[in-house]
């Protein structure tokens, strides 16, 4: 036998697929475990999510259920969505565990920072929508209700509406991560991003107009944070490119290779 240790051998495709299947099953199991823990609180969760609208309903007005099964199915659906949102950190951790061994050391530092930032920004976007956008938007809708019209929203329609806005604001708050990623892989540079800034600002308001209800308040409350987050991404992208230029390539470690157990 040779006295020199043998280098790690790449994993075959079947081993990669087996590991991917294992990690996907773990994600599904965690989602259902969270759902099992939250299911008994489904009604309370829906009450919490619907609070921004109920606080601005006219006197003696309530939310309604137009389908026979809506009082059960709607909180059930909401609880499943909440379980998925709460499992996002674990899901991304599993994704990181799958791709990290194939990255260089400096790539791991940047990718891990982007991963953590994406989680925090997504939750921040949802919190921003719930705490600031929803109260202002529903107050506007209540005030704009025509005379003789009773504002009584269906619980299923309300859930679909707020989930769309939650997702829109969560994704919109990922703009810094997307900008940094594009700069990092060399698709665009910071000078080009600064050059197209006026078009980005217009695009933010167009996206705000498409993703939010047709009122100036909610459109502005989405467009302005998108623009500010774009500026943060440009700033962070410039710092990353500067650091990459001064980093000594000789100090960059060779990426780890998966080995067969």
Protein backbone atom coordinates (compact mmCIF):
# COMPACT_ATOMS: atom_id res chain seq x y z
CA UNK A 1 0.00 0.00 0.00
CA UNK A 2 1.18 3.53 -0.68
CA UNK A 3 2.25 5.61 2.28
CA UNK A 4 0.79 8.75 0.74
CA UNK A 5 -2.89 9.50 1.41
CA UNK A 6 -5.15 9.28 -1.59
CA UNK A 7 -6.98 12.49 -2.59
CA UNK A 8 -10.73 12.67 -2.16
CA UNK A 9 -12.63 11.19 -5.04
CA UNK A 10 -15.61 12.98 -6.54
CA UNK A 11 -18.99 11.56 -5.65
CA UNK A 12 -20.88 9.82 -8.46
CA UNK A 13 -24.11 11.32 -9.74
CA UNK A 14 -26.23 8.77 -7.89
CA UNK A 15 -24.65 9.78 -4.58
CA UNK A 16 -25.41 13.45 -5.28
CA UNK A 17 -29.03 12.61 -6.09
CA UNK A 18 -29.31 10.48 -2.96
CA UNK A 19 -28.02 13.30 -0.79
CA UNK A 20 -30.35 15.78 -2.50
CA UNK A 21 -33.31 13.47 -1.86
CA UNK A 22 -32.33 13.13 1.80
CA UNK A 23 -32.13 16.88 2.26
CA UNK A 24 -35.48 17.42 0.52
CA UNK A 25 -37.11 14.85 2.78
CA UNK A 26 -35.67 16.63 5.81
CA UNK A 27 -37.17 19.91 4.61
CA UNK A 28 -40.60 18.33 4.10
CA UNK A 29 -40.41 16.69 7.53
CA UNK A 30 -39.55 19.99 9.23
CA UNK A 31 -42.41 21.79 7.48
CA UNK A 32 -44.91 19.19 8.66
CA UNK A 33 -43.49 19.21 12.19
CA UNK A 34 -43.95 22.98 12.37
CA UNK A 35 -47.43 22.62 10.90
CA UNK A 36 -48.33 19.98 13.50
CA UNK A 37 -47.26 22.35 16.26
CA UNK A 38 -49.19 25.30 14.85
CA UNK A 39 -52.37 23.57 13.69
CA UNK A 40 -54.16 23.94 17.02
CA UNK A 41 -53.53 27.70 16.79
CA UNK A 42 -54.83 28.06 13.22
CA UNK A 43 -57.77 30.27 14.19
CA UNK A 44 -55.57 32.56 16.29
CA UNK A 45 -53.04 32.84 13.47
CA UNK A 46 -55.73 33.93 11.04
CA UNK A 47 -57.07 36.42 13.58
CA UNK A 48 -53.58 37.92 13.87
CA UNK A 49 -53.08 38.14 10.10
CA UNK A 50 -56.52 39.69 9.55
CA UNK A 51 -56.09 42.29 12.31
CA UNK A 52 -54.92 45.12 9.97
CA UNK A 53 -58.17 44.87 8.02
CA UNK A 54 -60.51 44.28 10.95
CA UNK A 55 -59.13 47.34 12.74
CA UNK A 56 -60.39 49.54 9.91
CA UNK A 57 -63.74 47.93 9.19
CA UNK A 58 -66.76 50.17 9.74
CA UNK A 59 -68.77 49.78 12.92
CA UNK A 60 -70.79 46.55 13.07
CA UNK A 61 -68.99 45.21 9.95
CA UNK A 62 -67.27 41.84 9.97
CA UNK A 63 -65.38 39.56 7.63
CA UNK A 64 -67.48 36.88 5.95
CA UNK A 65 -67.07 33.33 4.61
CA UNK A 66 -68.90 32.73 1.34
CA UNK A 67 -67.93 29.05 0.98
CA UNK A 68 -69.20 26.34 3.28
CA UNK A 69 -65.71 24.99 4.12
CA UNK A 70 -63.92 28.36 4.23
CA UNK A 71 -64.01 28.77 8.02
CA UNK A 72 -61.89 25.60 8.29
CA UNK A 73 -59.90 25.50 5.05
CA UNK A 74 -58.72 29.11 5.07
CA UNK A 75 -56.99 29.01 8.49
CA UNK A 76 -55.67 25.55 7.52
CA UNK A 77 -54.12 26.96 4.34
CA UNK A 78 -52.68 29.94 6.21
CA UNK A 79 -51.09 27.68 8.82
CA UNK A 80 -49.42 25.61 6.10
CA UNK A 81 -48.04 28.77 4.48
CA UNK A 82 -46.78 30.06 7.83
CA UNK A 83 -45.10 26.69 8.43
CA UNK A 84 -43.32 27.00 5.09
CA UNK A 85 -42.19 30.55 5.87
CA UNK A 86 -40.88 29.52 9.29
CA UNK A 87 -39.00 26.59 7.76
CA UNK A 88 -37.15 28.80 5.26
CA UNK A 89 -33.98 29.09 7.42
CA UNK A 90 -33.75 25.29 7.69
CA UNK A 91 -34.47 24.85 3.98
CA UNK A 92 -31.73 27.28 3.03
CA UNK A 93 -29.38 25.65 5.55
CA UNK A 94 -29.92 22.32 3.79
CA UNK A 95 -29.30 23.96 0.42
CA UNK A 96 -26.11 25.49 1.80
CA UNK A 97 -24.94 22.12 3.10
CA UNK A 98 -25.43 20.66 -0.37
CA UNK A 99 -23.56 23.30 -2.39
CA UNK A 100 -20.94 24.55 0.11
CA UNK A 101 -18.38 21.73 -0.41
CA UNK A 102 -18.02 22.79 -4.05
CA UNK A 103 -17.13 26.41 -3.29
CA UNK A 104 -13.79 28.12 -2.76
CA UNK A 105 -13.05 29.55 0.66
CA UNK A 106 -13.62 33.16 -0.40
CA UNK A 107 -16.79 32.11 -2.23
CA UNK A 108 -18.09 30.47 0.94
CA UNK A 109 -17.65 33.70 2.90
CA UNK A 110 -19.61 35.73 0.39
CA UNK A 111 -22.25 33.06 -0.26
CA UNK A 112 -22.90 32.52 3.46
CA UNK A 113 -23.31 36.26 3.99
CA UNK A 114 -25.75 36.41 1.06
CA UNK A 115 -27.68 33.43 2.42
CA UNK A 116 -28.13 34.93 5.89
CA UNK A 117 -28.94 38.34 4.44
CA UNK A 118 -31.57 36.88 2.11
CA UNK A 119 -33.39 35.24 5.04
CA UNK A 120 -33.35 38.37 7.16
CA UNK A 121 -34.40 40.63 4.29
CA UNK A 122 -37.29 38.37 3.30
CA UNK A 123 -38.66 38.43 6.84
CA UNK A 124 -38.04 42.18 7.03
CA UNK A 125 -40.09 42.69 3.87
CA UNK A 126 -43.00 40.74 5.31
CA UNK A 127 -42.81 42.63 8.60
CA UNK A 128 -42.69 45.95 6.73
CA UNK A 129 -45.83 45.01 4.80
CA UNK A 130 -47.73 43.88 7.91
CA UNK A 131 -46.74 46.70 10.25
CA UNK A 132 -46.73 49.69 7.90
CA UNK A 133 -48.26 48.99 4.51
CA UNK A 134 -51.37 47.05 5.54
CA UNK A 135 -52.69 49.58 8.10
CA UNK A 136 -52.28 52.51 5.71
CA UNK A 137 -53.69 50.61 2.75
CA UNK A 138 -56.77 49.25 4.53
CA UNK A 139 -57.44 52.62 6.12
CA UNK A 140 -57.44 54.12 2.62
CA UNK A 141 -59.76 51.40 1.29
CA UNK A 142 -62.18 51.86 4.17
CA UNK A 143 -62.27 55.62 3.63
CA UNK A 144 -62.78 55.16 -0.13
CA UNK A 145 -65.78 52.83 0.24
CA UNK A 146 -68.75 54.37 -1.61
CA UNK A 147 -71.83 55.35 0.35
CA UNK A 148 -74.36 52.56 0.65
CA UNK A 149 -71.72 49.85 0.21
CA UNK A 150 -70.94 47.57 3.16
CA UNK A 151 -67.24 46.68 3.42
CA UNK A 152 -67.39 42.96 4.30
CA UNK A 153 -64.41 41.05 2.89
CA UNK A 154 -64.42 37.30 2.30
CA UNK A 155 -61.81 35.53 4.42
CA UNK A 156 -60.42 33.49 1.50
CA UNK A 157 -60.12 36.53 -0.77
CA UNK A 158 -58.37 38.41 2.01
CA UNK A 159 -55.86 35.60 2.55
CA UNK A 160 -55.00 35.42 -1.15
CA UNK A 161 -54.61 39.21 -1.23
CA UNK A 162 -52.29 39.51 1.76
CA UNK A 163 -50.21 36.45 0.79
CA UNK A 164 -49.55 38.06 -2.58
CA UNK A 165 -48.40 41.25 -0.86
CA UNK A 166 -46.32 39.35 1.70
CA UNK A 167 -44.51 37.53 -1.09
CA UNK A 168 -44.13 40.71 -3.17
CA UNK A 169 -42.56 42.68 -0.33
CA UNK A 170 -40.42 39.72 0.75
CA UNK A 171 -39.01 39.31 -2.75
CA UNK A 172 -38.63 43.08 -3.21
CA UNK A 173 -36.46 43.25 -0.11
CA UNK A 174 -34.09 40.72 -1.74
CA UNK A 175 -32.88 43.39 -4.17
CA UNK A 176 -29.56 44.01 -2.34
CA UNK A 177 -28.78 40.29 -2.47
CA UNK A 178 -29.60 40.13 -6.18
CA UNK A 179 -27.49 43.20 -6.96
CA UNK A 180 -24.50 41.93 -4.98
CA UNK A 181 -24.78 38.52 -6.62
CA UNK A 182 -24.85 40.03 -10.13
CA UNK A 183 -21.81 42.16 -9.37
CA UNK A 184 -19.98 39.28 -7.72
CA UNK A 185 -20.34 36.89 -10.68
CA UNK A 186 -19.46 39.67 -13.13
CA UNK A 187 -22.76 40.03 -14.99
CA UNK A 188 -22.80 43.80 -14.34
CA UNK A 189 -20.45 46.26 -12.70
CA UNK A 190 -21.10 49.07 -10.26
CA UNK A 191 -20.47 51.80 -12.85
CA UNK A 192 -23.19 50.36 -15.09
CA UNK A 193 -25.63 50.15 -12.19
CA UNK A 194 -25.02 53.79 -11.34
CA UNK A 195 -25.52 54.71 -14.98
CA UNK A 196 -28.93 53.00 -15.17
CA UNK A 197 -30.11 54.35 -11.80
CA UNK A 198 -32.85 56.57 -13.34
CA UNK A 199 -34.32 53.58 -15.18
CA UNK A 200 -34.18 51.50 -12.00
CA UNK A 201 -36.15 54.14 -10.11
CA UNK A 202 -38.81 54.17 -12.83
CA UNK A 203 -38.85 50.38 -12.80
CA UNK A 204 -39.38 50.33 -9.03
CA UNK A 205 -42.51 52.44 -9.39
CA UNK A 206 -43.74 50.29 -12.28
CA UNK A 207 -43.26 47.15 -10.17
CA UNK A 208 -45.00 48.87 -7.27
CA UNK A 209 -47.91 49.72 -9.54
CA UNK A 210 -48.21 46.12 -10.78
CA UNK A 211 -47.79 44.28 -7.47
CA UNK A 212 -49.84 46.51 -5.20
CA UNK A 213 -53.44 47.75 -5.24
CA UNK A 214 -54.19 50.80 -7.41
CA UNK A 215 -53.54 53.45 -4.79
CA UNK A 216 -50.58 55.80 -4.57
CA UNK A 217 -49.82 54.96 -0.94
CA UNK A 218 -49.12 51.24 -1.31
CA UNK A 219 -47.32 51.78 -4.61
CA UNK A 220 -44.99 54.33 -3.04
CA UNK A 221 -44.47 52.23 0.06
CA UNK A 222 -43.15 49.42 -2.14
CA UNK A 223 -41.29 51.48 -4.74
CA UNK A 224 -39.28 53.69 -2.36
CA UNK A 225 -37.88 50.81 -0.25
CA UNK A 226 -36.99 48.96 -3.48
CA UNK A 227 -34.99 51.95 -4.67
CA UNK A 228 -33.23 52.37 -1.32
CA UNK A 229 -32.42 48.66 -1.22
CA UNK A 230 -31.00 48.91 -4.74
CA UNK A 231 -28.68 51.67 -3.54
CA UNK A 232 -27.59 49.48 -0.61
CA UNK A 233 -26.87 46.65 -3.05
CA UNK A 234 -24.79 48.93 -5.25
CA UNK A 235 -22.78 50.07 -2.23
CA UNK A 236 -22.17 46.50 -1.01
CA UNK A 237 -21.35 45.35 -4.54
CA UNK A 238 -18.70 48.04 -4.82
CA UNK A 239 -17.13 46.89 -1.56
CA UNK A 240 -17.03 43.28 -2.73
CA UNK A 241 -15.40 44.13 -6.05
CA UNK A 242 -12.83 46.28 -4.29
CA UNK A 243 -11.98 43.48 -1.86
CA UNK A 244 -11.70 40.94 -4.68
CA UNK A 245 -9.24 43.16 -6.54
CA UNK A 246 -6.86 43.45 -3.58
CA UNK A 247 -7.16 39.84 -2.44
CA UNK A 248 -4.09 37.68 -3.10
CA UNK A 249 -5.12 34.78 -5.38
CA UNK A 250 -2.40 32.60 -3.84
CA UNK A 251 -4.24 32.71 -0.51
CA UNK A 252 -7.46 31.32 -1.96
CA UNK A 253 -7.93 27.71 -0.95
CA UNK A 254 -8.89 24.98 -3.38
CA UNK A 255 -12.55 24.06 -3.02
CA UNK A 256 -13.37 21.00 -1.04
CA UNK A 257 -14.49 17.94 -2.99
CA UNK A 258 -17.18 15.65 -1.79
CA UNK A 259 -15.89 12.23 -0.95
CA UNK A 260 -17.64 8.92 -0.89
CA UNK A 261 -18.27 7.64 2.61
